Structures are given as structure tokens and as C-alpha cells.
Amino acid sequence: MPKPVAAAHDPSLAATVVRRTPLLYAAGPDPALDRPAHVRAGSGLAWFGGRLAVVQDDAAFVALTDPRGERVEAVTLPAGEGGARQFDDLRGNKRFKLDLEACTVVPGDEGELLVAFGSGSTPLREQVVLLADGPRGPRVSVHDASAVYALLRECTEFAGSELNVEGALFVDGRIRLFNRGNGAPRGDLLPVDATCELEWVALRAHLLDTAVAPPRPRGVVRYDLGAMDGFKLTFTDAAWFDGRIVFSAAAEDSPDVTRDGVVAGSALGVFDAP
């Protein structure tokens, strides 16, 4: 395996917060659907049909917000255990969440398709959500992808000691996944930050019919993103920007991929080439 690609600090780059917008659902809260009044998390973001789609790791809703964030529509996903659609430590039901951590948009003859990925950190989190925007509104389907995640986990060059998918991009007919290396060591395996690619046509065929063989991960690249205050920086998302790939990373003292830890800080970075 080649040496990891090492990130370098570029003092000429800077990030500035230019606006903050509360993301409140236009329809308000709905106790019957277990929907809160607001978007709870922004685990993955992608432009979808002229709106910004927001997937959440702790709520079974996809938020669709207009470019200025002035109107937010909630797309309801299937409920979890006991009809819950919100998951946290206070409720004691985090183990039942889909844990959607990454999303990307795929173009097609019938329009765009939002593809959202579970983290794969537990068996319940090995599902992929497909969202199509039709004339009667968004159409949602949730697909078992356990065979796909099994191949990702088996590819230890990508997954390392623990699989934790945190980013996804559509690149020339392939889905590029980003693994976050914040897991616990397992034997001789260490947590790694890495990317791999899955052929989209094969992945879609498998999601629609699990009798079709899933695609194997290809083109693995590992990364060393550096550290902040003594904690390793690890991938948390990625997006296209001006023809290049921008990624976000967090320095979190997490004991493994399912438990949270103290966050020392975060960083943004740019890949020089796709």
C-alpha cells in the first residue's frame, strides 16, 4: 500500500462565516411524526433540484432548503424502533438510528437522484436512501446495502480497523466514499482516513435488486490530514467547489466510531486534483 497522501497547511487559505440562518421546518413540529421544529444536524449536504439537501445522522428526515435558507421542507423517512424519528443519548435510542452521514447527487435521464449513505458503523447503519424529486413531490426509498458495506469493511486498506463512511461524491460515473479514521484499533489494524470508489451503475442495480452482485471498492487512497491540539484530524464530509474537492475534518477524541468525544477543532481542505 502506498504511503498516505499528507495534507499541508496553507496559510493563504482561510474560511470565514458570512451568514447564519436558523433552519426551521416550514410546517413546524409534528409529534405524530416525531418531527422537531428544526433541523437537528447537517451530517451531509448536496445541491438537489435547486435546493440544498441536508441529511441528518440523528433524525429520520431529509431537509430541503431554498438557497437562502428561508424555507425548509422536511422529507420524512421511515421511523425507527417504537416509531421514533429522533435519536440521542437522552432518549437512549441512538443504536436504532440510520446514521446517515454522507450524501451526493447523481444525474440521470429521469432527473437528479439524491443518494444518502449510512455510516456502516453498525449493522443497522448499512442502508442507503434514494430520493427522487417527482411532480408530486420527493419520492423516498430505503435500501439494504449490507453486502456493499461488507465489501467495504473487508477492504481494510479503505476501512482500516473500523468502517465509518462520512463523505460521498459522484465522480465520472463512480461514487467516491470517504472513510473517517476515528475508530478504535483492532489487532494489527489502525483507523485510517481513506477514499475508495464504487461503480454507480453496479451499485444502483444492487440497491434495486440485492440478487445482483454489489460492486467492489476500487482505487483506494489513504490520507494523513494532520492533527489539532494533539488530536488527529479525520474526514467528516466532502463537496465539489469550483472544479475541485473541498473536504471538512474534525479533531475529536472519540474512543471508537459509535461514541462521541471532545472536539478540539475542525478544518477545511482542498484536493489539488479530483
C-alpha atoms as a PDB file:
ATOM      1  CA  MET A   1       0.000   0.000   0.000  1.00  0.00           C
ATOM      2  CA  PRO A   2       1.477   3.417  -0.960  1.00  0.00           C
ATOM      3  CA  LYS A   3       2.204   5.941   1.764  1.00  0.00           C
ATOM      4  CA  PRO A   4      -0.761   8.139   2.747  1.00  0.00           C
ATOM      5  CA  VAL A   5      -1.152  11.461   0.984  1.00  0.00           C
ATOM      6  CA  ALA A   6      -0.142  14.042   3.586  1.00  0.00           C
ATOM      7  CA  ALA A   7      -2.059  17.289   3.992  1.00  0.00           C
ATOM      8  CA  ALA A   8      -0.067  20.508   4.302  1.00  0.00           C
ATOM      9  CA  HIS A   9      -1.205  23.701   5.988  1.00  0.00           C
ATOM     10  CA  ASP A  10      -1.639  26.559   3.504  1.00  0.00           C
ATOM     11  CA  PRO A  11      -1.646  29.940   5.289  1.00  0.00           C
ATOM     12  CA  SER A  12      -3.066  31.603   2.164  1.00  0.00           C
ATOM     13  CA  LEU A  13      -6.381  29.771   2.640  1.00  0.00           C
ATOM     14  CA  ALA A  14      -8.932  30.967   5.173  1.00  0.00           C
ATOM     15  CA  ALA A  15     -12.564  30.217   5.990  1.00  0.00           C
ATOM     16  CA  THR A  16     -14.994  32.923   7.089  1.00  0.00           C
ATOM     17  CA  VAL A  17     -18.551  32.537   8.368  1.00  0.00           C
ATOM     18  CA  VAL A  18     -20.539  35.078   6.341  1.00  0.00           C
ATOM     19  CA  ARG A  19     -24.096  34.236   7.407  1.00  0.00           C
ATOM     20  CA  ARG A  20     -26.010  32.151   9.927  1.00  0.00           C
ATOM     21  CA  THR A  21     -29.563  31.021   9.181  1.00  0.00           C
ATOM     22  CA  PRO A  22     -31.830  29.061  11.568  1.00  0.00           C
ATOM     23  CA  LEU A  23     -33.187  26.001   9.741  1.00  0.00           C
ATOM     24  CA  LEU A  24     -36.796  25.790  10.918  1.00  0.00           C
ATOM     25  CA  TYR A  25     -39.235  23.489   9.145  1.00  0.00           C
ATOM     26  CA  ALA A  26     -41.940  25.455   7.309  1.00  0.00           C
ATOM     27  CA  ALA A  27     -44.586  23.000   8.546  1.00  0.00           C
ATOM     28  CA  GLY A  28     -43.363  23.251  12.133  1.00  0.00           C
ATOM     29  CA  PRO A  29     -43.063  20.343  14.560  1.00  0.00           C
ATOM     30  CA  ASP A  30     -45.282  17.268  14.267  1.00  0.00           C
ATOM     31  CA  PRO A  31     -45.459  14.982  17.326  1.00  0.00           C
ATOM     32  CA  ALA A  32     -47.282  12.304  15.309  1.00  0.00           C
ATOM     33  CA  LEU A  33     -44.246  12.003  13.016  1.00  0.00           C
ATOM     34  CA  ASP A  34     -41.781  12.697  15.839  1.00  0.00           C
ATOM     35  CA  ARG A  35     -40.599  15.685  13.831  1.00  0.00           C
ATOM     36  CA  PRO A  36     -38.895  18.521  15.709  1.00  0.00           C
ATOM     37  CA  ALA A  37     -39.320  22.185  14.825  1.00  0.00           C
ATOM     38  CA  HIS A  38     -35.831  22.469  13.369  1.00  0.00           C
ATOM     39  CA  VAL A  39     -33.113  20.602  11.517  1.00  0.00           C
ATOM     40  CA  ARG A  40     -31.059  18.774  14.144  1.00  0.00           C
ATOM     41  CA  ALA A  41     -27.843  18.112  12.239  1.00  0.00           C
ATOM     42  CA  GLY A  42     -26.018  18.726   8.974  1.00  0.00           C
ATOM     43  CA  SER A  43     -24.163  15.453   8.526  1.00  0.00           C
ATOM     44  CA  GLY A  44     -24.190  15.633   4.727  1.00  0.00           C
ATOM     45  CA  LEU A  45     -25.063  18.391   2.251  1.00  0.00           C
ATOM     46  CA  ALA A  46     -25.688  18.378  -1.502  1.00  0.00           C
ATOM     47  CA  TRP A  47     -27.440  20.624  -4.018  1.00  0.00           C
ATOM     48  CA  PHE A  48     -30.540  18.784  -5.219  1.00  0.00           C
ATOM     49  CA  GLY A  49     -33.060  20.236  -7.655  1.00  0.00           C
ATOM     50  CA  GLY A  50     -32.056  23.817  -6.878  1.00  0.00           C
ATOM     51  CA  ARG A  51     -32.306  23.285  -3.126  1.00  0.00           C
ATOM     52  CA  LEU A  52     -29.767  22.275  -0.525  1.00  0.00           C
ATOM     53  CA  ALA A  53     -30.458  18.770   0.774  1.00  0.00           C
ATOM     54  CA  VAL A  54     -29.401  18.147   4.367  1.00  0.00           C
ATOM     55  CA  VAL A  55     -29.148  14.609   5.731  1.00  0.00           C
ATOM     56  CA  GLN A  56     -29.057  14.099   9.482  1.00  0.00           C
ATOM     57  CA  ASP A  57     -27.361  11.383  11.499  1.00  0.00           C
ATOM     58  CA  ASP A  58     -29.761  11.725  14.440  1.00  0.00           C
ATOM     59  CA  ALA A  59     -33.141  12.344  12.767  1.00  0.00           C
ATOM     60  CA  ALA A  60     -35.093  10.411  10.120  1.00  0.00           C
ATOM     61  CA  PHE A  61     -35.787  13.422   7.928  1.00  0.00           C
ATOM     62  CA  VAL A  62     -34.083  14.936   4.897  1.00  0.00           C
ATOM     63  CA  ALA A  63     -34.305  18.727   4.926  1.00  0.00           C
ATOM     64  CA  LEU A  64     -34.668  20.577   1.616  1.00  0.00           C
ATOM     65  CA  THR A  65     -33.888  24.264   1.961  1.00  0.00           C
ATOM     66  CA  ASP A  66     -34.036  27.047  -0.613  1.00  0.00           C
ATOM     67  CA  PRO A  67     -30.741  28.790  -1.483  1.00  0.00           C
ATOM     68  CA  ARG A  68     -31.222  31.455   1.202  1.00  0.00           C
ATOM     69  CA  GLY A  69     -32.468  29.049   3.849  1.00  0.00           C
ATOM     70  CA  GLU A  70     -35.762  30.926   4.179  1.00  0.00           C
ATOM     71  CA  ARG A  71     -37.980  27.879   3.631  1.00  0.00           C
ATOM     72  CA  VAL A  72     -37.163  24.360   4.789  1.00  0.00           C
ATOM     73  CA  GLU A  73     -39.210  21.330   3.758  1.00  0.00           C
ATOM     74  CA  ALA A  74     -38.984  18.079   5.709  1.00  0.00           C
ATOM     75  CA  VAL A  75     -38.948  14.812   3.762  1.00  0.00           C
ATOM     76  CA  THR A  76     -39.995  12.051   6.148  1.00  0.00           C
ATOM     77  CA  LEU A  77     -38.011   8.803   6.254  1.00  0.00           C
ATOM     78  CA  PRO A  78     -39.232   5.516   7.760  1.00  0.00           C
ATOM     79  CA  ALA A  79     -39.454   5.521  11.559  1.00  0.00           C
ATOM     80  CA  GLY A  80     -37.149   3.531  13.769  1.00  0.00           C
ATOM     81  CA  GLU A  81     -37.867   1.408  16.844  1.00  0.00           C
ATOM     82  CA  GLY A  82     -41.110   2.451  18.541  1.00  0.00           C
ATOM     83  CA  GLY A  83     -41.971   4.941  15.798  1.00  0.00           C
ATOM     84  CA  ALA A  84     -39.100   7.253  16.740  1.00  0.00           C
ATOM     85  CA  ARG A  85     -37.513   9.583  14.217  1.00  0.00           C
ATOM     86  CA  GLN A  86     -35.214  11.386  16.665  1.00  0.00           C
ATOM     87  CA  PHE A  87     -32.308   9.557  18.257  1.00  0.00           C
ATOM     88  CA  ASP A  88     -29.968  10.634  21.043  1.00  0.00           C
ATOM     89  CA  ASP A  89     -28.434   9.724  24.391  1.00  0.00           C
ATOM     90  CA  LEU A  90     -31.282  11.354  26.315  1.00  0.00           C
ATOM     91  CA  ARG A  91     -33.804   9.025  24.697  1.00  0.00           C
ATOM     92  CA  GLY A  92     -31.392   6.126  24.928  1.00  0.00           C
ATOM     93  CA  ASN A  93     -32.163   5.046  21.355  1.00  0.00           C
ATOM     94  CA  LYS A  94     -29.048   6.021  19.375  1.00  0.00           C
ATOM     95  CA  ARG A  95     -28.451   2.384  18.448  1.00  0.00           C
ATOM     96  CA  PHE A  96     -31.641   2.398  16.324  1.00  0.00           C
ATOM     97  CA  LYS A  97     -30.772   5.340  14.046  1.00  0.00           C
ATOM     98  CA  LEU A  98     -29.958   5.092  10.326  1.00  0.00           C
ATOM     99  CA  ASP A  99     -26.942   7.329  10.991  1.00  0.00           C
ATOM    100  CA  LEU A 100     -26.993   8.978   7.570  1.00  0.00           C
ATOM    101  CA  GLU A 101     -23.600  10.657   7.351  1.00  0.00           C
ATOM    102  CA  ALA A 102     -22.973  11.274   3.652  1.00  0.00           C
ATOM    103  CA  CYS A 103     -24.886  12.186   0.516  1.00  0.00           C
ATOM    104  CA  THR A 104     -24.317  13.081  -3.105  1.00  0.00           C
ATOM    105  CA  VAL A 105     -26.431  13.815  -6.169  1.00  0.00           C
ATOM    106  CA  VAL A 106     -26.282  11.637  -9.279  1.00  0.00           C
ATOM    107  CA  PRO A 107     -27.566  12.974 -12.624  1.00  0.00           C
ATOM    108  CA  GLY A 108     -29.766  10.766 -14.787  1.00  0.00           C
ATOM    109  CA  ASP A 109     -32.168  10.664 -17.720  1.00  0.00           C
ATOM    110  CA  GLU A 110     -35.132  10.888 -15.345  1.00  0.00           C
ATOM    111  CA  GLY A 111     -33.671  13.721 -13.279  1.00  0.00           C
ATOM    112  CA  GLU A 112     -31.376  14.002 -10.307  1.00  0.00           C
ATOM    113  CA  LEU A 113     -31.181  11.368  -7.598  1.00  0.00           C
ATOM    114  CA  LEU A 114     -30.026  12.104  -4.057  1.00  0.00           C
ATOM    115  CA  VAL A 115     -28.075   9.169  -2.638  1.00  0.00           C
ATOM    116  CA  ALA A 116     -27.527   9.133   1.143  1.00  0.00           C
ATOM    117  CA  PHE A 117     -25.308   6.620   2.925  1.00  0.00           C
ATOM    118  CA  GLY A 118     -25.409   5.241   6.435  1.00  0.00           C
ATOM    119  CA  SER A 119     -22.073   5.280   8.218  1.00  0.00           C
ATOM    120  CA  GLY A 120     -21.772   1.488   8.322  1.00  0.00           C
ATOM    121  CA  SER A 121     -20.563   1.659  11.920  1.00  0.00           C
ATOM    122  CA  THR A 122     -23.225  -0.903  12.991  1.00  0.00           C
ATOM    123  CA  PRO A 123     -25.425  -3.353  11.011  1.00  0.00           C
ATOM    124  CA  LEU A 124     -28.471  -1.031  11.300  1.00  0.00           C
ATOM    125  CA  ARG A 125     -26.426   1.714   9.670  1.00  0.00           C
ATOM    126  CA  GLU A 126     -25.748  -0.246   6.483  1.00  0.00           C
ATOM    127  CA  GLN A 127     -28.587   1.284   4.459  1.00  0.00           C
ATOM    128  CA  VAL A 128     -28.734   3.667   1.511  1.00  0.00           C
ATOM    129  CA  VAL A 129     -31.550   6.166   0.971  1.00  0.00           C
ATOM    130  CA  LEU A 130     -32.559   7.207  -2.558  1.00  0.00           C
ATOM    131  CA  LEU A 131     -34.553  10.410  -3.016  1.00  0.00           C
ATOM    132  CA  ALA A 132     -36.047  11.402  -6.377  1.00  0.00           C
ATOM    133  CA  ASP A 133     -37.864  14.684  -6.975  1.00  0.00           C
ATOM    134  CA  GLY A 134     -41.082  13.954  -8.882  1.00  0.00           C
ATOM    135  CA  PRO A 135     -44.095  16.052  -9.952  1.00  0.00           C
ATOM    136  CA  ARG A 136     -45.965  15.005  -6.798  1.00  0.00           C
ATOM    137  CA  GLY A 137     -43.037  15.745  -4.531  1.00  0.00           C
ATOM    138  CA  PRO A 138     -39.976  13.824  -3.350  1.00  0.00           C
ATOM    139  CA  ARG A 139     -40.082  10.009  -3.550  1.00  0.00           C
ATOM    140  CA  VAL A 140     -38.082   8.138  -0.916  1.00  0.00           C
ATOM    141  CA  SER A 141     -36.838   4.565  -0.838  1.00  0.00           C
ATOM    142  CA  VAL A 142     -34.560   2.901   1.712  1.00  0.00           C
ATOM    143  CA  HIS A 143     -32.377   0.007   0.558  1.00  0.00           C
ATOM    144  CA  ASP A 144     -30.467  -2.695   2.380  1.00  0.00           C
ATOM    145  CA  ALA A 145     -26.795  -2.319   1.457  1.00  0.00           C
ATOM    146  CA  SER A 146     -25.277  -4.776   3.928  1.00  0.00           C
ATOM    147  CA  ALA A 147     -23.471  -6.644   1.131  1.00  0.00           C
ATOM    148  CA  VAL A 148     -21.910  -3.382  -0.063  1.00  0.00           C
ATOM    149  CA  TYR A 149     -20.769  -2.468   3.433  1.00  0.00           C
ATOM    150  CA  ALA A 150     -19.387  -5.972   3.951  1.00  0.00           C
ATOM    151  CA  LEU A 151     -17.107  -5.457   0.944  1.00  0.00           C
ATOM    152  CA  LEU A 152     -16.103  -2.013   2.211  1.00  0.00           C
ATOM    153  CA  ARG A 153     -15.258  -3.454   5.627  1.00  0.00           C
ATOM    154  CA  GLU A 154     -13.390  -6.368   4.046  1.00  0.00           C
ATOM    155  CA  CYS A 155     -11.234  -3.847   2.160  1.00  0.00           C
ATOM    156  CA  THR A 156      -9.102  -2.901   5.156  1.00  0.00           C
ATOM    157  CA  GLU A 157      -6.961  -0.590   3.013  1.00  0.00           C
ATOM    158  CA  PHE A 158     -10.073   1.625   2.962  1.00  0.00           C
ATOM    159  CA  ALA A 159     -11.857   0.782   6.221  1.00  0.00           C
ATOM    160  CA  GLY A 160      -8.868   0.227   8.494  1.00  0.00           C
ATOM    161  CA  SER A 161      -9.848  -1.052  11.923  1.00  0.00           C
ATOM    162  CA  GLU A 162     -13.410   0.362  11.839  1.00  0.00           C
ATOM    163  CA  LEU A 163     -15.632   1.443   8.954  1.00  0.00           C
ATOM    164  CA  ASN A 164     -17.171   4.918   9.248  1.00  0.00           C
ATOM    165  CA  VAL A 165     -18.395   6.406   5.952  1.00  0.00           C
ATOM    166  CA  GLU A 166     -18.630  10.191   6.352  1.00  0.00           C
ATOM    167  CA  GLY A 167     -18.500  11.618   2.829  1.00  0.00           C
ATOM    168  CA  ALA A 168     -19.651  10.808  -0.703  1.00  0.00           C
ATOM    169  CA  LEU A 169     -19.171  12.391  -4.138  1.00  0.00           C
ATOM    170  CA  PHE A 170     -20.236  11.473  -7.666  1.00  0.00           C
ATOM    171  CA  VAL A 171     -17.122  11.418  -9.875  1.00  0.00           C
ATOM    172  CA  ASP A 172     -17.265  10.364 -13.554  1.00  0.00           C
ATOM    173  CA  GLY A 173     -19.774   7.562 -13.140  1.00  0.00           C
ATOM    174  CA  ARG A 174     -18.463   6.439  -9.762  1.00  0.00           C
ATOM    175  CA  ILE A 175     -19.312   7.126  -6.138  1.00  0.00           C
ATOM    176  CA  ARG A 176     -16.276   8.183  -4.143  1.00  0.00           C
ATOM    177  CA  LEU A 177     -16.658   7.389  -0.450  1.00  0.00           C
ATOM    178  CA  PHE A 178     -14.672   8.947   2.395  1.00  0.00           C
ATOM    179  CA  ASN A 179     -13.872   6.838   5.456  1.00  0.00           C
ATOM    180  CA  ARG A 180     -13.297   8.672   8.722  1.00  0.00           C
ATOM    181  CA  GLY A 181     -10.363   7.297  10.681  1.00  0.00           C
ATOM    182  CA  ASN A 182     -11.658   7.909  14.196  1.00  0.00           C
ATOM    183  CA  GLY A 183     -12.169   4.277  15.155  1.00  0.00           C
ATOM    184  CA  ALA A 184     -10.527   2.074  17.744  1.00  0.00           C
ATOM    185  CA  PRO A 185      -7.524  -0.110  16.847  1.00  0.00           C
ATOM    186  CA  ARG A 186      -8.349  -3.765  16.185  1.00  0.00           C
ATOM    187  CA  GLY A 187      -5.463  -6.197  16.367  1.00  0.00           C
ATOM    188  CA  ASP A 188      -2.859  -5.069  13.855  1.00  0.00           C
ATOM    189  CA  LEU A 189      -5.320  -2.703  12.161  1.00  0.00           C
ATOM    190  CA  LEU A 190      -5.424   1.024  12.887  1.00  0.00           C
ATOM    191  CA  PRO A 191      -8.121   3.589  11.998  1.00  0.00           C
ATOM    192  CA  VAL A 192      -7.493   5.233   8.632  1.00  0.00           C
ATOM    193  CA  ASP A 193      -8.749   8.165   6.595  1.00  0.00           C
ATOM    194  CA  ALA A 194      -9.212   6.972   3.041  1.00  0.00           C
ATOM    195  CA  THR A 195     -11.261   7.201  -0.133  1.00  0.00           C
ATOM    196  CA  CYS A 196     -12.458   4.475  -2.464  1.00  0.00           C
ATOM    197  CA  GLU A 197     -14.746   4.327  -5.480  1.00  0.00           C
ATOM    198  CA  LEU A 198     -17.797   2.230  -6.370  1.00  0.00           C
ATOM    199  CA  GLU A 199     -19.199   1.938  -9.894  1.00  0.00           C
ATOM    200  CA  TRP A 200     -22.539   3.739  -9.764  1.00  0.00           C
ATOM    201  CA  VAL A 201     -24.406   1.622 -12.336  1.00  0.00           C
ATOM    202  CA  ALA A 202     -23.467  -1.552 -10.464  1.00  0.00           C
ATOM    203  CA  LEU A 203     -24.294  -0.019  -7.084  1.00  0.00           C
ATOM    204  CA  ARG A 204     -27.714   1.185  -8.227  1.00  0.00           C
ATOM    205  CA  ALA A 205     -28.507  -2.210  -9.756  1.00  0.00           C
ATOM    206  CA  HIS A 206     -27.645  -3.917  -6.472  1.00  0.00           C
ATOM    207  CA  LEU A 207     -29.679  -1.473  -4.383  1.00  0.00           C
ATOM    208  CA  LEU A 208     -32.737  -2.095  -6.550  1.00  0.00           C
ATOM    209  CA  ASP A 209     -32.212  -5.882  -6.566  1.00  0.00           C
ATOM    210  CA  THR A 210     -29.933  -7.443  -3.944  1.00  0.00           C
ATOM    211  CA  ALA A 211     -29.672 -10.580  -6.102  1.00  0.00           C
ATOM    212  CA  VAL A 212     -27.349  -8.516  -8.325  1.00  0.00           C
ATOM    213  CA  ALA A 213     -23.745  -8.642  -7.128  1.00  0.00           C
ATOM    214  CA  PRO A 214     -22.568  -5.479  -5.351  1.00  0.00           C
ATOM    215  CA  PRO A 215     -19.583  -3.542  -6.734  1.00  0.00           C
ATOM    216  CA  ARG A 216     -16.204  -3.957  -5.093  1.00  0.00           C
ATOM    217  CA  PRO A 217     -14.350  -0.880  -3.852  1.00  0.00           C
ATOM    218  CA  ARG A 218     -11.556   0.293  -6.147  1.00  0.00           C
ATOM    219  CA  GLY A 219      -8.912   2.986  -6.240  1.00  0.00           C
ATOM    220  CA  VAL A 220      -8.217   3.258  -2.525  1.00  0.00           C
ATOM    221  CA  VAL A 221      -6.186   6.288  -1.432  1.00  0.00           C
ATOM    222  CA  ARG A 222      -5.187   6.906   2.175  1.00  0.00           C
ATOM    223  CA  TYR A 223      -4.655  10.330   3.721  1.00  0.00           C
ATOM    224  CA  ASP A 224      -2.846  11.864   6.671  1.00  0.00           C
ATOM    225  CA  LEU A 225      -4.752  15.047   7.479  1.00  0.00           C
ATOM    226  CA  GLY A 226      -2.537  16.121  10.367  1.00  0.00           C
ATOM    227  CA  ALA A 227      -3.633  16.981  13.899  1.00  0.00           C
ATOM    228  CA  MET A 228      -5.027  19.797  16.022  1.00  0.00           C
ATOM    229  CA  ASP A 229      -4.185  20.226  19.702  1.00  0.00           C
ATOM    230  CA  GLY A 230      -2.832  16.685  19.776  1.00  0.00           C
ATOM    231  CA  PHE A 231      -5.909  15.060  18.213  1.00  0.00           C
ATOM    232  CA  LYS A 232      -5.919  13.519  14.751  1.00  0.00           C
ATOM    233  CA  LEU A 233      -7.932  15.332  12.061  1.00  0.00           C
ATOM    234  CA  THR A 234     -10.334  12.954  10.314  1.00  0.00           C
ATOM    235  CA  PHE A 235     -12.736  13.293   7.358  1.00  0.00           C
ATOM    236  CA  THR A 236     -16.280  14.489   8.110  1.00  0.00           C
ATOM    237  CA  ASP A 237     -17.583  15.419   4.621  1.00  0.00           C
ATOM    238  CA  ALA A 238     -16.618  16.448   1.088  1.00  0.00           C
ATOM    239  CA  ALA A 239     -18.095  18.572  -1.704  1.00  0.00           C
ATOM    240  CA  TRP A 240     -17.335  19.896  -5.168  1.00  0.00           C
ATOM    241  CA  PHE A 241     -16.288  23.547  -5.341  1.00  0.00           C
ATOM    242  CA  ASP A 242     -15.080  25.362  -8.452  1.00  0.00           C
ATOM    243  CA  GLY A 243     -13.907  22.126 -10.076  1.00  0.00           C
ATOM    244  CA  ARG A 244     -12.035  20.941  -7.002  1.00  0.00           C
ATOM    245  CA  ILE A 245     -12.932  18.828  -3.993  1.00  0.00           C
ATOM    246  CA  VAL A 246     -13.249  20.536  -0.626  1.00  0.00           C
ATOM    247  CA  PHE A 247     -13.275  18.378   2.496  1.00  0.00           C
ATOM    248  CA  SER A 248     -14.047  19.028   6.136  1.00  0.00           C
ATOM    249  CA  ALA A 249     -12.278  17.335   9.017  1.00  0.00           C
ATOM    250  CA  ALA A 250     -12.636  17.247  12.792  1.00  0.00           C
ATOM    251  CA  ALA A 251     -10.169  16.594  15.588  1.00  0.00           C
ATOM    252  CA  GLU A 252     -12.240  14.531  18.016  1.00  0.00           C
ATOM    253  CA  ASP A 253     -11.090  12.437  20.952  1.00  0.00           C
ATOM    254  CA  SER A 254     -13.601   9.658  20.214  1.00  0.00           C
ATOM    255  CA  PRO A 255     -12.904   6.177  21.635  1.00  0.00           C
ATOM    256  CA  ASP A 256     -14.483   4.457  18.608  1.00  0.00           C
ATOM    257  CA  VAL A 257     -16.818   5.131  15.672  1.00  0.00           C
ATOM    258  CA  THR A 258     -20.049   4.944  17.695  1.00  0.00           C
ATOM    259  CA  ARG A 259     -19.179   7.102  20.723  1.00  0.00           C
ATOM    260  CA  ASP A 260     -18.615  10.851  20.765  1.00  0.00           C
ATOM    261  CA  GLY A 261     -15.648  12.613  22.297  1.00  0.00           C
ATOM    262  CA  VAL A 262     -14.248  16.062  22.975  1.00  0.00           C
ATOM    263  CA  VAL A 263     -13.742  18.037  19.744  1.00  0.00           C
ATOM    264  CA  ALA A 264     -10.578  20.129  19.716  1.00  0.00           C
ATOM    265  CA  GLY A 265     -11.437  21.865  16.453  1.00  0.00           C
ATOM    266  CA  SER A 266     -12.149  21.442  12.776  1.00  0.00           C
ATOM    267  CA  ALA A 267     -10.545  22.262   9.450  1.00  0.00           C
ATOM    268  CA  LEU A 268     -11.305  22.627   5.753  1.00  0.00           C
ATOM    269  CA  GLY A 269      -9.043  21.402   2.991  1.00  0.00           C
ATOM    270  CA  VAL A 270      -8.825  21.265  -0.792  1.00  0.00           C
ATOM    271  CA  PHE A 271      -7.679  18.457  -3.042  1.00  0.00           C
ATOM    272  CA  ASP A 272      -5.465  19.797  -5.828  1.00  0.00           C
ATOM    273  CA  ALA A 273      -6.884  17.222  -8.283  1.00  0.00           C
ATOM    274  CA  PRO A 274     -10.165  15.285  -8.439  1.00  0.00           C
END
